[in-house]
Every structure is written in structure tokens, then in C-alpha cells.
């Protein structure tokens, strides 16, 4: 659980979602395949991917798969994102979780 919290914290530091206030600091870029104003720091996004992957290995939670897929999509790494959205869909189907099945299918649709 501690690893998941670290991953969530890293993800939070990597993404800026406020449209009316520019992010502070350097290294912010417009996220790929995202609405205007969604900014990210690619190096920190990669750190969050790594931490969520470790958290998923420790405890396979569908939320980690979702965060990894979204982060890859944000960086423009569509094949990796597609792979994780597919894993997420399979995981959600096995858990009978319709919300995450729908989220995975929407993610896959965005990548098509």
C-alpha cells in the first residue's frame, strides 16, 4: 500500500489540470491525446509509471493498470497504453467490474 501511495503522489506531481493557472516550474508539456490545458512533466510521469508497475506487482489492483495506461497515453506511447488498457479490460471482466470495463474500452477507442 505504501508503494501505491508513492505512485499516486508521483502522478500528482507529474500532472497539472488547472486551465486558468499555468503550472509553476520548468519541463511542463501539453499531454498527448488530452484536452487543451492538461499539462505533464514527462520525466515525472515515467517515474509514476514505474512506481505503479511495482505496486501492481505487489498487489494487482486495477487502479494501477488504469494509471499506467493513462500515463502512457499522456506521453504518446500508444502501443504501451493499448497493452495496459487491454490488460485492464481483461482484469475488469474477470472481476465483473463494468465501470472499469467501460473505462478500458473508452481508452482503447481513443487510441484507435
PDB file of N, CA and C in Angstrom:
ATOM      1  N   UNK A   1       0.820  -1.198   0.000  1.00  0.00           N
ATOM      2  CA  UNK A   1       0.000   0.000   0.000  1.00  0.00           C
ATOM      3  C   UNK A   1       0.861   1.258   0.000  1.00  0.00           C
ATOM      4  N   UNK A   2       1.983   1.218   0.681  1.00  0.00           N
ATOM      5  CA  UNK A   2       2.861   2.382   0.724  1.00  0.00           C
ATOM      6  C   UNK A   2       3.396   2.703  -0.669  1.00  0.00           C
ATOM      7  N   UNK A   3       3.679   1.666  -1.450  1.00  0.00           N
ATOM      8  CA  UNK A   3       4.169   1.876  -2.804  1.00  0.00           C
ATOM      9  C   UNK A   3       3.106   2.537  -3.679  1.00  0.00           C
ATOM     10  N   UNK A   4       1.862   2.139  -3.493  1.00  0.00           N
ATOM     11  CA  UNK A   4       0.762   2.743  -4.250  1.00  0.00           C
ATOM     12  C   UNK A   4       0.617   4.221  -3.891  1.00  0.00           C
ATOM     13  N   UNK A   5       0.768   4.552  -2.620  1.00  0.00           N
ATOM     14  CA  UNK A   5       0.688   5.959  -2.203  1.00  0.00           C
ATOM     15  C   UNK A   5       1.810   6.783  -2.817  1.00  0.00           C
ATOM     16  N   UNK A   6       3.018   6.203  -2.876  1.00  0.00           N
ATOM     17  CA  UNK A   6       4.136   6.899  -3.512  1.00  0.00           C
ATOM     18  C   UNK A   6       3.849   7.123  -4.992  1.00  0.00           C
ATOM     19  N   UNK A   7       3.285   6.109  -5.643  1.00  0.00           N
ATOM     20  CA  UNK A   7       2.954   6.226  -7.065  1.00  0.00           C
ATOM     21  C   UNK A   7       1.906   7.315  -7.285  1.00  0.00           C
ATOM     22  N   UNK A   8       0.895   7.349  -6.441  1.00  0.00           N
ATOM     23  CA  UNK A   8      -0.151   8.373  -6.561  1.00  0.00           C
ATOM     24  C   UNK A   8       0.430   9.770  -6.349  1.00  0.00           C
ATOM     25  N   UNK A   9       1.349   9.892  -5.403  1.00  0.00           N
ATOM     26  CA  UNK A   9       1.989  11.180  -5.143  1.00  0.00           C
ATOM     27  C   UNK A   9       2.845  11.605  -6.337  1.00  0.00           C
ATOM     28  N   UNK A  10       3.580  10.658  -6.916  1.00  0.00           N
ATOM     29  CA  UNK A  10       4.400  10.962  -8.087  1.00  0.00           C
ATOM     30  C   UNK A  10       3.530  11.373  -9.270  1.00  0.00           C
ATOM     31  N   UNK A  11       2.408  10.695  -9.437  1.00  0.00           N
ATOM     32  CA  UNK A  11       1.487  11.024 -10.519  1.00  0.00           C
ATOM     33  C   UNK A  11       0.903  12.419 -10.326  1.00  0.00           C
ATOM     34  N   UNK A  12       0.573  12.757  -9.108  1.00  0.00           N
ATOM     35  CA  UNK A  12       0.019  14.067  -8.804  1.00  0.00           C
ATOM     36  C   UNK A  12       1.019  15.176  -9.126  1.00  0.00           C
ATOM     37  N   UNK A  13       2.295  14.935  -8.856  1.00  0.00           N
ATOM     38  CA  UNK A  13       3.334  15.927  -9.130  1.00  0.00           C
ATOM     39  C   UNK A  13       3.644  16.025 -10.621  1.00  0.00           C
ATOM     40  N   UNK A  14       3.217  15.011 -11.392  1.00  0.00           N
ATOM     41  CA  UNK A  14       3.542  14.957 -12.813  1.00  0.00           C
ATOM     42  C   UNK A  14       2.488  15.595 -13.699  1.00  0.00           C
ATOM     43  N   UNK A  15       1.298  15.858 -13.159  1.00  0.00           N
ATOM     44  CA  UNK A  15       0.184  16.330 -13.978  1.00  0.00           C
ATOM     45  C   UNK A  15      -0.377  17.635 -13.421  1.00  0.00           C
ATOM     46  N   UNK A  16      -0.696  18.556 -14.331  1.00  0.00           N
ATOM     47  CA  UNK A  16      -1.301  19.835 -13.964  1.00  0.00           C
ATOM     48  C   UNK A  16      -2.612  19.954 -14.722  1.00  0.00           C
ATOM     49  N   UNK A  17      -3.715  20.112 -14.002  1.00  0.00           N
ATOM     50  CA  UNK A  17      -5.039  20.073 -14.621  1.00  0.00           C
ATOM     51  C   UNK A  17      -5.797  21.403 -14.594  1.00  0.00           C
ATOM     52  N   UNK A  18      -5.222  22.447 -14.089  1.00  0.00           N
ATOM     53  CA  UNK A  18      -5.956  23.705 -13.942  1.00  0.00           C
ATOM     54  C   UNK A  18      -5.784  24.558 -15.190  1.00  0.00           C
ATOM     55  N   UNK A  19      -6.894  24.894 -15.826  1.00  0.00           N
ATOM     56  CA  UNK A  19      -6.831  25.660 -17.076  1.00  0.00           C
ATOM     57  C   UNK A  19      -6.542  27.136 -16.864  1.00  0.00           C
ATOM     58  N   UNK A  20      -6.989  27.688 -15.762  1.00  0.00           N
ATOM     59  CA  UNK A  20      -6.878  29.135 -15.568  1.00  0.00           C
ATOM     60  C   UNK A  20      -5.596  29.566 -14.861  1.00  0.00           C
ATOM     61  N   UNK A  21      -4.723  28.619 -14.556  1.00  0.00           N
ATOM     62  CA  UNK A  21      -3.487  28.954 -13.851  1.00  0.00           C
ATOM     63  C   UNK A  21      -2.359  28.113 -14.440  1.00  0.00           C
ATOM     64  N   UNK A  22      -1.334  28.740 -15.013  1.00  0.00           N
ATOM     65  CA  UNK A  22      -0.236  27.960 -15.593  1.00  0.00           C
ATOM     66  C   UNK A  22       0.577  27.258 -14.508  1.00  0.00           C
ATOM     67  N   UNK A  23       1.174  26.131 -14.829  1.00  0.00           N
ATOM     68  CA  UNK A  23       1.973  25.414 -13.830  1.00  0.00           C
ATOM     69  C   UNK A  23       3.262  26.156 -13.515  1.00  0.00           C
ATOM     70  N   UNK A  24       3.716  26.010 -12.295  1.00  0.00           N
ATOM     71  CA  UNK A  24       4.990  26.601 -11.884  1.00  0.00           C
ATOM     72  C   UNK A  24       6.117  25.649 -12.260  1.00  0.00           C
ATOM     73  N   UNK A  25       7.290  26.198 -12.512  1.00  0.00           N
ATOM     74  CA  UNK A  25       8.463  25.378 -12.778  1.00  0.00           C
ATOM     75  C   UNK A  25       8.657  25.103 -14.260  1.00  0.00           C
ATOM     76  N   UNK A  26       9.673  24.303 -14.534  1.00  0.00           N
ATOM     77  CA  UNK A  26      10.077  24.019 -15.905  1.00  0.00           C
ATOM     78  C   UNK A  26       9.731  22.579 -16.276  1.00  0.00           C
ATOM     79  N   UNK A  27       9.708  22.321 -17.552  1.00  0.00           N
ATOM     80  CA  UNK A  27       9.527  20.962 -18.039  1.00  0.00           C
ATOM     81  C   UNK A  27       8.091  20.560 -18.317  1.00  0.00           C
ATOM     82  N   UNK A  28       7.155  21.486 -18.227  1.00  0.00           N
ATOM     83  CA  UNK A  28       5.754  21.157 -18.466  1.00  0.00           C
ATOM     84  C   UNK A  28       5.461  21.149 -19.954  1.00  0.00           C
ATOM     85  N   UNK A  29       4.770  20.114 -20.424  1.00  0.00           N
ATOM     86  CA  UNK A  29       4.361  19.995 -21.821  1.00  0.00           C
ATOM     87  C   UNK A  29       2.881  19.649 -21.881  1.00  0.00           C
ATOM     88  N   UNK A  30       2.246  20.005 -22.991  1.00  0.00           N
ATOM     89  CA  UNK A  30       0.858  19.600 -23.214  1.00  0.00           C
ATOM     90  C   UNK A  30       0.829  18.080 -23.316  1.00  0.00           C
ATOM     91  N   UNK A  31      -0.065  17.440 -22.576  1.00  0.00           N
ATOM     92  CA  UNK A  31      -0.201  15.986 -22.625  1.00  0.00           C
ATOM     93  C   UNK A  31      -0.758  15.580 -23.988  1.00  0.00           C
ATOM     94  N   UNK A  32      -0.240  14.484 -24.511  1.00  0.00           N
ATOM     95  CA  UNK A  32      -0.669  13.965 -25.803  1.00  0.00           C
ATOM     96  C   UNK A  32      -2.043  13.316 -25.631  1.00  0.00           C
ATOM     97  N   UNK A  33      -2.895  13.471 -26.646  1.00  0.00           N
ATOM     98  CA  UNK A  33      -4.209  12.814 -26.659  1.00  0.00           C
ATOM     99  C   UNK A  33      -5.060  13.229 -25.454  1.00  0.00           C
ATOM    100  N   UNK A  34      -4.918  14.497 -25.057  1.00  0.00           N
ATOM    101  CA  UNK A  34      -5.637  15.012 -23.890  1.00  0.00           C
ATOM    102  C   UNK A  34      -6.225  16.383 -24.224  1.00  0.00           C
ATOM    103  N   UNK A  35      -7.212  16.817 -23.459  1.00  0.00           N
ATOM    104  CA  UNK A  35      -7.784  18.149 -23.701  1.00  0.00           C
ATOM    105  C   UNK A  35      -6.740  19.249 -23.490  1.00  0.00           C
ATOM    106  N   UNK A  36      -6.966  20.358 -24.150  1.00  0.00           N
ATOM    107  CA  UNK A  36      -6.068  21.504 -24.002  1.00  0.00           C
ATOM    108  C   UNK A  36      -5.983  21.892 -22.535  1.00  0.00           C
ATOM    109  N   UNK A  37      -4.780  22.195 -22.087  1.00  0.00           N
ATOM    110  CA  UNK A  37      -4.589  22.618 -20.713  1.00  0.00           C
ATOM    111  C   UNK A  37      -4.144  21.511 -19.779  1.00  0.00           C
ATOM    112  N   UNK A  38      -4.228  20.263 -20.201  1.00  0.00           N
ATOM    113  CA  UNK A  38      -3.741  19.164 -19.363  1.00  0.00           C
ATOM    114  C   UNK A  38      -2.246  19.034 -19.628  1.00  0.00           C
ATOM    115  N   UNK A  39      -1.467  19.476 -18.670  1.00  0.00           N
ATOM    116  CA  UNK A  39      -0.008  19.522 -18.813  1.00  0.00           C
ATOM    117  C   UNK A  39       0.637  18.400 -18.013  1.00  0.00           C
ATOM    118  N   UNK A  40       1.839  17.987 -18.445  1.00  0.00           N
ATOM    119  CA  UNK A  40       2.555  16.957 -17.697  1.00  0.00           C
ATOM    120  C   UNK A  40       4.058  17.199 -17.779  1.00  0.00           C
ATOM    121  N   UNK A  41       4.750  16.613 -16.827  1.00  0.00           N
ATOM    122  CA  UNK A  41       6.207  16.582 -16.833  1.00  0.00           C
ATOM    123  C   UNK A  41       6.594  15.151 -17.199  1.00  0.00           C
ATOM    124  N   UNK A  42       7.084  14.918 -18.416  1.00  0.00           N
ATOM    125  CA  UNK A  42       7.337  13.560 -18.877  1.00  0.00           C
ATOM    126  C   UNK A  42       8.225  12.721 -17.951  1.00  0.00           C
ATOM    127  N   UNK A  43       9.264  13.294 -17.391  1.00  0.00           N
ATOM    128  CA  UNK A  43      10.151  12.519 -16.513  1.00  0.00           C
ATOM    129  C   UNK A  43       9.405  12.048 -15.266  1.00  0.00           C
ATOM    130  N   UNK A  44       8.590  12.903 -14.718  1.00  0.00           N
ATOM    131  CA  UNK A  44       7.825  12.523 -13.521  1.00  0.00           C
ATOM    132  C   UNK A  44       6.713  11.535 -13.862  1.00  0.00           C
ATOM    133  N   UNK A  45       6.139  11.659 -15.063  1.00  0.00           N
ATOM    134  CA  UNK A  45       5.131  10.681 -15.494  1.00  0.00           C
ATOM    135  C   UNK A  45       5.775   9.297 -15.593  1.00  0.00           C
ATOM    136  N   UNK A  46       6.983   9.243 -16.134  1.00  0.00           N
ATOM    137  CA  UNK A  46       7.698   7.958 -16.230  1.00  0.00           C
ATOM    138  C   UNK A  46       7.984   7.379 -14.830  1.00  0.00           C
ATOM    139  N   UNK A  47       8.329   8.252 -13.897  1.00  0.00           N
ATOM    140  CA  UNK A  47       8.538   7.794 -12.514  1.00  0.00           C
ATOM    141  C   UNK A  47       7.252   7.185 -11.952  1.00  0.00           C
ATOM    142  N   UNK A  48       6.133   7.833 -12.212  1.00  0.00           N
ATOM    143  CA  UNK A  48       4.863   7.316 -11.696  1.00  0.00           C
ATOM    144  C   UNK A  48       4.514   5.986 -12.352  1.00  0.00           C
ATOM    145  N   UNK A  49       4.807   5.829 -13.647  1.00  0.00           N
ATOM    146  CA  UNK A  49       4.566   4.548 -14.324  1.00  0.00           C
ATOM    147  C   UNK A  49       5.352   3.445 -13.636  1.00  0.00           C
ATOM    148  N   UNK A  50       6.613   3.727 -13.376  1.00  0.00           N
ATOM    149  CA  UNK A  50       7.484   2.739 -12.730  1.00  0.00           C
ATOM    150  C   UNK A  50       6.951   2.347 -11.344  1.00  0.00           C
ATOM    151  N   UNK A  51       6.523   3.338 -10.573  1.00  0.00           N
ATOM    152  CA  UNK A  51       6.014   3.055  -9.231  1.00  0.00           C
ATOM    153  C   UNK A  51       4.679   2.313  -9.270  1.00  0.00           C
ATOM    154  N   UNK A  52       3.787   2.697 -10.192  1.00  0.00           N
ATOM    155  CA  UNK A  52       2.517   1.978 -10.306  1.00  0.00           C
ATOM    156  C   UNK A  52       2.751   0.533 -10.766  1.00  0.00           C
ATOM    157  N   UNK A  53       3.732   0.321 -11.640  1.00  0.00           N
ATOM    158  CA  UNK A  53       4.049  -1.045 -12.085  1.00  0.00           C
ATOM    159  C   UNK A  53       4.537  -1.890 -10.914  1.00  0.00           C
ATOM    160  N   UNK A  54       5.382  -1.316 -10.080  1.00  0.00           N
ATOM    161  CA  UNK A  54       5.863  -2.040  -8.889  1.00  0.00           C
ATOM    162  C   UNK A  54       4.710  -2.310  -7.928  1.00  0.00           C
ATOM    163  N   UNK A  55       3.840  -1.328  -7.755  1.00  0.00           N
ATOM    164  CA  UNK A  55       2.685  -1.504  -6.875  1.00  0.00           C
ATOM    165  C   UNK A  55       1.772  -2.612  -7.404  1.00  0.00           C
ATOM    166  N   UNK A  56       1.611  -2.672  -8.725  1.00  0.00           N
ATOM    167  CA  UNK A  56       0.759  -3.700  -9.329  1.00  0.00           C
ATOM    168  C   UNK A  56       1.358  -5.092  -9.126  1.00  0.00           C
ATOM    169  N   UNK A  57       2.684  -5.189  -9.191  1.00  0.00           N
ATOM    170  CA  UNK A  57       3.345  -6.480  -8.949  1.00  0.00           C
ATOM    171  C   UNK A  57       3.140  -6.928  -7.516  1.00  0.00           C
ATOM    172  N   UNK A  58       3.169  -5.971  -6.590  1.00  0.00           N
ATOM    173  CA  UNK A  58       2.993  -6.283  -5.177  1.00  0.00           C
ATOM    174  C   UNK A  58       1.545  -6.663  -4.867  1.00  0.00           C
ATOM    175  N   UNK A  59       0.619  -5.881  -5.424  1.00  0.00           N
ATOM    176  CA  UNK A  59      -0.800  -6.139  -5.198  1.00  0.00           C
ATOM    177  C   UNK A  59      -1.550  -5.775  -6.479  1.00  0.00           C
ATOM    178  N   UNK A  60      -1.974  -6.770  -7.259  1.00  0.00           N
ATOM    179  CA  UNK A  60      -2.602  -6.497  -8.556  1.00  0.00           C
ATOM    180  C   UNK A  60      -3.961  -5.806  -8.441  1.00  0.00           C
ATOM    181  N   UNK A  61      -3.929  -4.505  -8.485  1.00  0.00           N
ATOM    182  CA  UNK A  61      -5.138  -3.684  -8.380  1.00  0.00           C
ATOM    183  C   UNK A  61      -5.396  -3.023  -9.728  1.00  0.00           C
ATOM    184  N   UNK A  62      -6.625  -3.037 -10.156  1.00  0.00           N
ATOM    185  CA  UNK A  62      -6.997  -2.499 -11.462  1.00  0.00           C
ATOM    186  C   UNK A  62      -6.720  -1.002 -11.570  1.00  0.00           C
ATOM    187  N   UNK A  63      -6.745  -0.290 -10.465  1.00  0.00           N
ATOM    188  CA  UNK A  63      -6.471   1.149 -10.476  1.00  0.00           C
ATOM    189  C   UNK A  63      -5.053   1.413 -10.965  1.00  0.00           C
ATOM    190  N   UNK A  64      -4.105   0.578 -10.579  1.00  0.00           N
ATOM    191  CA  UNK A  64      -2.724   0.741 -11.033  1.00  0.00           C
ATOM    192  C   UNK A  64      -2.639   0.563 -12.548  1.00  0.00           C
ATOM    193  N   UNK A  65      -3.342  -0.439 -13.083  1.00  0.00           N
ATOM    194  CA  UNK A  65      -3.344  -0.633 -14.538  1.00  0.00           C
ATOM    195  C   UNK A  65      -3.911   0.602 -15.245  1.00  0.00           C
ATOM    196  N   UNK A  66      -4.975   1.140 -14.700  1.00  0.00           N
ATOM    197  CA  UNK A  66      -5.588   2.334 -15.281  1.00  0.00           C
ATOM    198  C   UNK A  66      -4.598   3.497 -15.288  1.00  0.00           C
ATOM    199  N   UNK A  67      -3.924   3.726 -14.187  1.00  0.00           N
ATOM    200  CA  UNK A  67      -2.978   4.837 -14.100  1.00  0.00           C
ATOM    201  C   UNK A  67      -1.805   4.653 -15.057  1.00  0.00           C
ATOM    202  N   UNK A  68      -1.322   3.424 -15.195  1.00  0.00           N
ATOM    203  CA  UNK A  68      -0.215   3.150 -16.118  1.00  0.00           C
ATOM    204  C   UNK A  68      -0.660   3.408 -17.551  1.00  0.00           C
ATOM    205  N   UNK A  69      -1.842   2.910 -17.913  1.00  0.00           N
ATOM    206  CA  UNK A  69      -2.348   3.098 -19.277  1.00  0.00           C
ATOM    207  C   UNK A  69      -2.535   4.581 -19.590  1.00  0.00           C
ATOM    208  N   UNK A  70      -3.142   5.323 -18.666  1.00  0.00           N
ATOM    209  CA  UNK A  70      -3.360   6.757 -18.888  1.00  0.00           C
ATOM    210  C   UNK A  70      -2.037   7.514 -19.000  1.00  0.00           C
ATOM    211  N   UNK A  71      -1.057   7.125 -18.200  1.00  0.00           N
ATOM    212  CA  UNK A  71       0.242   7.795 -18.247  1.00  0.00           C
ATOM    213  C   UNK A  71       0.932   7.544 -19.585  1.00  0.00           C
ATOM    214  N   UNK A  72       0.885   6.315 -20.065  1.00  0.00           N
ATOM    215  CA  UNK A  72       1.481   6.023 -21.373  1.00  0.00           C
ATOM    216  C   UNK A  72       0.765   6.810 -22.476  1.00  0.00           C
ATOM    217  N   UNK A  73      -0.555   6.894 -22.384  1.00  0.00           N
ATOM    218  CA  UNK A  73      -1.319   7.655 -23.367  1.00  0.00           C
ATOM    219  C   UNK A  73      -0.921   9.127 -23.311  1.00  0.00           C
ATOM    220  N   UNK A  74      -0.746   9.660 -22.116  1.00  0.00           N
ATOM    221  CA  UNK A  74      -0.373  11.054 -21.923  1.00  0.00           C
ATOM    222  C   UNK A  74       0.976  11.370 -22.570  1.00  0.00           C
ATOM    223  N   UNK A  75       1.873  10.375 -22.567  1.00  0.00           N
ATOM    224  CA  UNK A  75       3.200  10.562 -23.150  1.00  0.00           C
ATOM    225  C   UNK A  75       3.220  10.289 -24.651  1.00  0.00           C
ATOM    226  N   UNK A  76       2.117   9.785 -25.182  1.00  0.00           N
ATOM    227  CA  UNK A  76       2.072   9.471 -26.610  1.00  0.00           C
ATOM    228  C   UNK A  76       2.587   8.087 -26.935  1.00  0.00           C
ATOM    229  N   UNK A  77       2.750   7.253 -25.938  1.00  0.00           N
ATOM    230  CA  UNK A  77       3.222   5.873 -26.120  1.00  0.00           C
ATOM    231  C   UNK A  77       1.996   4.975 -26.281  1.00  0.00           C
ATOM    232  N   UNK A  78       1.407   5.036 -27.479  1.00  0.00           N
ATOM    233  CA  UNK A  78       0.100   4.425 -27.701  1.00  0.00           C
ATOM    234  C   UNK A  78       0.113   2.900 -27.659  1.00  0.00           C
ATOM    235  N   UNK A  79       1.174   2.251 -28.119  1.00  0.00           N
ATOM    236  CA  UNK A  79       1.219   0.778 -28.077  1.00  0.00           C
ATOM    237  C   UNK A  79       1.259   0.289 -26.630  1.00  0.00           C
ATOM    238  N   UNK A  80       2.061   0.940 -25.796  1.00  0.00           N
ATOM    239  CA  UNK A  80       2.125   0.568 -24.379  1.00  0.00           C
ATOM    240  C   UNK A  80       0.784   0.838 -23.712  1.00  0.00           C
ATOM    241  N   UNK A  81       0.171   1.977 -24.029  1.00  0.00           N
ATOM    242  CA  UNK A  81      -1.140   2.305 -23.459  1.00  0.00           C
ATOM    243  C   UNK A  81      -2.175   1.269 -23.881  1.00  0.00           C
ATOM    244  N   UNK A  82      -2.157   0.891 -25.154  1.00  0.00           N
ATOM    245  CA  UNK A  82      -3.105  -0.107 -25.658  1.00  0.00           C
ATOM    246  C   UNK A  82      -2.933  -1.431 -24.906  1.00  0.00           C
ATOM    247  N   UNK A  83      -1.697  -1.801 -24.663  1.00  0.00           N
ATOM    248  CA  UNK A  83      -1.411  -3.040 -23.936  1.00  0.00           C
ATOM    249  C   UNK A  83      -2.001  -3.002 -22.525  1.00  0.00           C
ATOM    250  N   UNK A  84      -1.814  -1.892 -21.834  1.00  0.00           N
ATOM    251  CA  UNK A  84      -2.325  -1.784 -20.461  1.00  0.00           C
ATOM    252  C   UNK A  84      -3.839  -1.630 -20.416  1.00  0.00           C
ATOM    253  N   UNK A  85      -4.424  -0.925 -21.396  1.00  0.00           N
ATOM    254  CA  UNK A  85      -5.884  -0.853 -21.441  1.00  0.00           C
ATOM    255  C   UNK A  85      -6.482  -2.240 -21.690  1.00  0.00           C
ATOM    256  N   UNK A  86      -5.808  -3.043 -22.509  1.00  0.00           N
ATOM    257  CA  UNK A  86      -6.276  -4.406 -22.772  1.00  0.00           C
ATOM    258  C   UNK A  86      -6.189  -5.255 -21.504  1.00  0.00           C
ATOM    259  N   UNK A  87      -5.064  -5.149 -20.782  1.00  0.00           N
ATOM    260  CA  UNK A  87      -4.927  -5.876 -19.509  1.00  0.00           C
ATOM    261  C   UNK A  87      -5.992  -5.418 -18.515  1.00  0.00           C
ATOM    262  N   UNK A  88      -6.234  -4.125 -18.505  1.00  0.00           N
ATOM    263  CA  UNK A  88      -7.228  -3.563 -17.591  1.00  0.00           C
ATOM    264  C   UNK A  88      -8.620  -4.106 -17.920  1.00  0.00           C
ATOM    265  N   UNK A  89      -8.932  -4.181 -19.205  1.00  0.00           N
ATOM    266  CA  UNK A  89     -10.236  -4.702 -19.623  1.00  0.00           C
ATOM    267  C   UNK A  89     -10.390  -6.160 -19.189  1.00  0.00           C
ATOM    268  N   UNK A  90      -9.347  -6.971 -19.407  1.00  0.00           N
ATOM    269  CA  UNK A  90      -9.391  -8.386 -19.005  1.00  0.00           C
ATOM    270  C   UNK A  90      -9.550  -8.521 -17.496  1.00  0.00           C
ATOM    271  N   UNK A  91      -8.808  -7.715 -16.762  1.00  0.00           N
ATOM    272  CA  UNK A  91      -8.882  -7.733 -15.299  1.00  0.00           C
ATOM    273  C   UNK A  91     -10.295  -7.343 -14.834  1.00  0.00           C
ATOM    274  N   UNK A  92     -10.852  -6.300 -15.446  1.00  0.00           N
ATOM    275  CA  UNK A  92     -12.185  -5.832 -15.074  1.00  0.00           C
ATOM    276  C   UNK A  92     -13.252  -6.876 -15.409  1.00  0.00           C
ATOM    277  N   UNK A  93     -13.100  -7.545 -16.545  1.00  0.00           N
ATOM    278  CA  UNK A  93     -14.047  -8.603 -16.899  1.00  0.00           C
ATOM    279  C   UNK A  93     -13.984  -9.755 -15.903  1.00  0.00           C
ATOM    280  N   UNK A  94     -12.774 -10.118 -15.485  1.00  0.00           N
ATOM    281  CA  UNK A  94     -12.639 -11.219 -14.524  1.00  0.00           C
ATOM    282  C   UNK A  94     -13.212 -10.844 -13.159  1.00  0.00           C
ATOM    283  N   UNK A  95     -13.156  -9.561 -12.805  1.00  0.00           N
ATOM    284  CA  UNK A  95     -13.722  -9.086 -11.537  1.00  0.00           C
ATOM    285  C   UNK A  95     -15.183  -8.684 -11.664  1.00  0.00           C
ATOM    286  N   UNK A  96     -15.711  -8.745 -12.885  1.00  0.00           N
ATOM    287  CA  UNK A  96     -17.084  -8.307 -13.169  1.00  0.00           C
ATOM    288  C   UNK A  96     -17.294  -6.862 -12.707  1.00  0.00           C
ATOM    289  N   UNK A  97     -16.404  -6.006 -13.175  1.00  0.00           N
ATOM    290  CA  UNK A  97     -16.418  -4.586 -12.812  1.00  0.00           C
ATOM    291  C   UNK A  97     -16.758  -3.769 -14.062  1.00  0.00           C
ATOM    292  N   UNK A  98     -18.041  -3.476 -14.292  1.00  0.00           N
ATOM    293  CA  UNK A  98     -18.439  -2.802 -15.533  1.00  0.00           C
ATOM    294  C   UNK A  98     -17.869  -1.396 -15.701  1.00  0.00           C
ATOM    295  N   UNK A  99     -17.641  -0.694 -14.627  1.00  0.00           N
ATOM    296  CA  UNK A  99     -17.100   0.668 -14.734  1.00  0.00           C
ATOM    297  C   UNK A  99     -15.703   0.648 -15.358  1.00  0.00           C
ATOM    298  N   UNK A 100     -14.869  -0.270 -14.920  1.00  0.00           N
ATOM    299  CA  UNK A 100     -13.515  -0.342 -15.463  1.00  0.00           C
ATOM    300  C   UNK A 100     -13.486  -1.004 -16.838  1.00  0.00           C
ATOM    301  N   UNK A 101     -14.441  -1.878 -17.129  1.00  0.00           N
ATOM    302  CA  UNK A 101     -14.550  -2.415 -18.495  1.00  0.00           C
ATOM    303  C   UNK A 101     -14.830  -1.255 -19.441  1.00  0.00           C
ATOM    304  N   UNK A 102     -15.777  -0.409 -19.062  1.00  0.00           N
ATOM    305  CA  UNK A 102     -16.125   0.744 -19.883  1.00  0.00           C
ATOM    306  C   UNK A 102     -14.947   1.713 -20.007  1.00  0.00           C
ATOM    307  N   UNK A 103     -14.248   1.956 -18.924  1.00  0.00           N
ATOM    308  CA  UNK A 103     -13.097   2.861 -18.964  1.00  0.00           C
ATOM    309  C   UNK A 103     -12.014   2.318 -19.899  1.00  0.00           C
ATOM    310  N   UNK A 104     -11.764   1.019 -19.828  1.00  0.00           N
ATOM    311  CA  UNK A 104     -10.768   0.405 -20.700  1.00  0.00           C
ATOM    312  C   UNK A 104     -11.195   0.486 -22.154  1.00  0.00           C
ATOM    313  N   UNK A 105     -12.457   0.233 -22.424  1.00  0.00           N
ATOM    314  CA  UNK A 105     -12.950   0.291 -23.801  1.00  0.00           C
ATOM    315  C   UNK A 105     -12.887   1.706 -24.354  1.00  0.00           C
ATOM    316  N   UNK A 106     -13.170   2.686 -23.528  1.00  0.00           N
ATOM    317  CA  UNK A 106     -13.060   4.086 -23.959  1.00  0.00           C
ATOM    318  C   UNK A 106     -11.605   4.453 -24.235  1.00  0.00           C
ATOM    319  N   UNK A 107     -10.707   3.966 -23.386  1.00  0.00           N
ATOM    320  CA  UNK A 107      -9.284   4.206 -23.614  1.00  0.00           C
ATOM    321  C   UNK A 107      -8.819   3.582 -24.924  1.00  0.00           C
ATOM    322  N   UNK A 108      -9.236   2.354 -25.174  1.00  0.00           N
ATOM    323  CA  UNK A 108      -8.885   1.687 -26.426  1.00  0.00           C
ATOM    324  C   UNK A 108      -9.471   2.422 -27.624  1.00  0.00           C
ATOM    325  N   UNK A 109     -10.683   2.935 -27.491  1.00  0.00           N
ATOM    326  CA  UNK A 109     -11.322   3.684 -28.579  1.00  0.00           C
ATOM    327  C   UNK A 109     -10.553   4.971 -28.889  1.00  0.00           C
ATOM    328  N   UNK A 110     -10.049   5.642 -27.853  1.00  0.00           N
ATOM    329  CA  UNK A 110      -9.268   6.869 -28.067  1.00  0.00           C
ATOM    330  C   UNK A 110      -7.983   6.578 -28.833  1.00  0.00           C
ATOM    331  N   UNK A 111      -7.460   5.381 -28.680  1.00  0.00           N
ATOM    332  CA  UNK A 111      -6.197   5.028 -29.307  1.00  0.00           C
ATOM    333  C   UNK A 111      -6.362   4.511 -30.734  1.00  0.00           C
ATOM    334  N   UNK A 112      -7.593   4.283 -31.139  1.00  0.00           N
ATOM    335  CA  UNK A 112      -7.836   3.752 -32.498  1.00  0.00           C
ATOM    336  C   UNK A 112      -7.803   4.822 -33.541  1.00  0.00           C
TER     337      UNK A 112
END
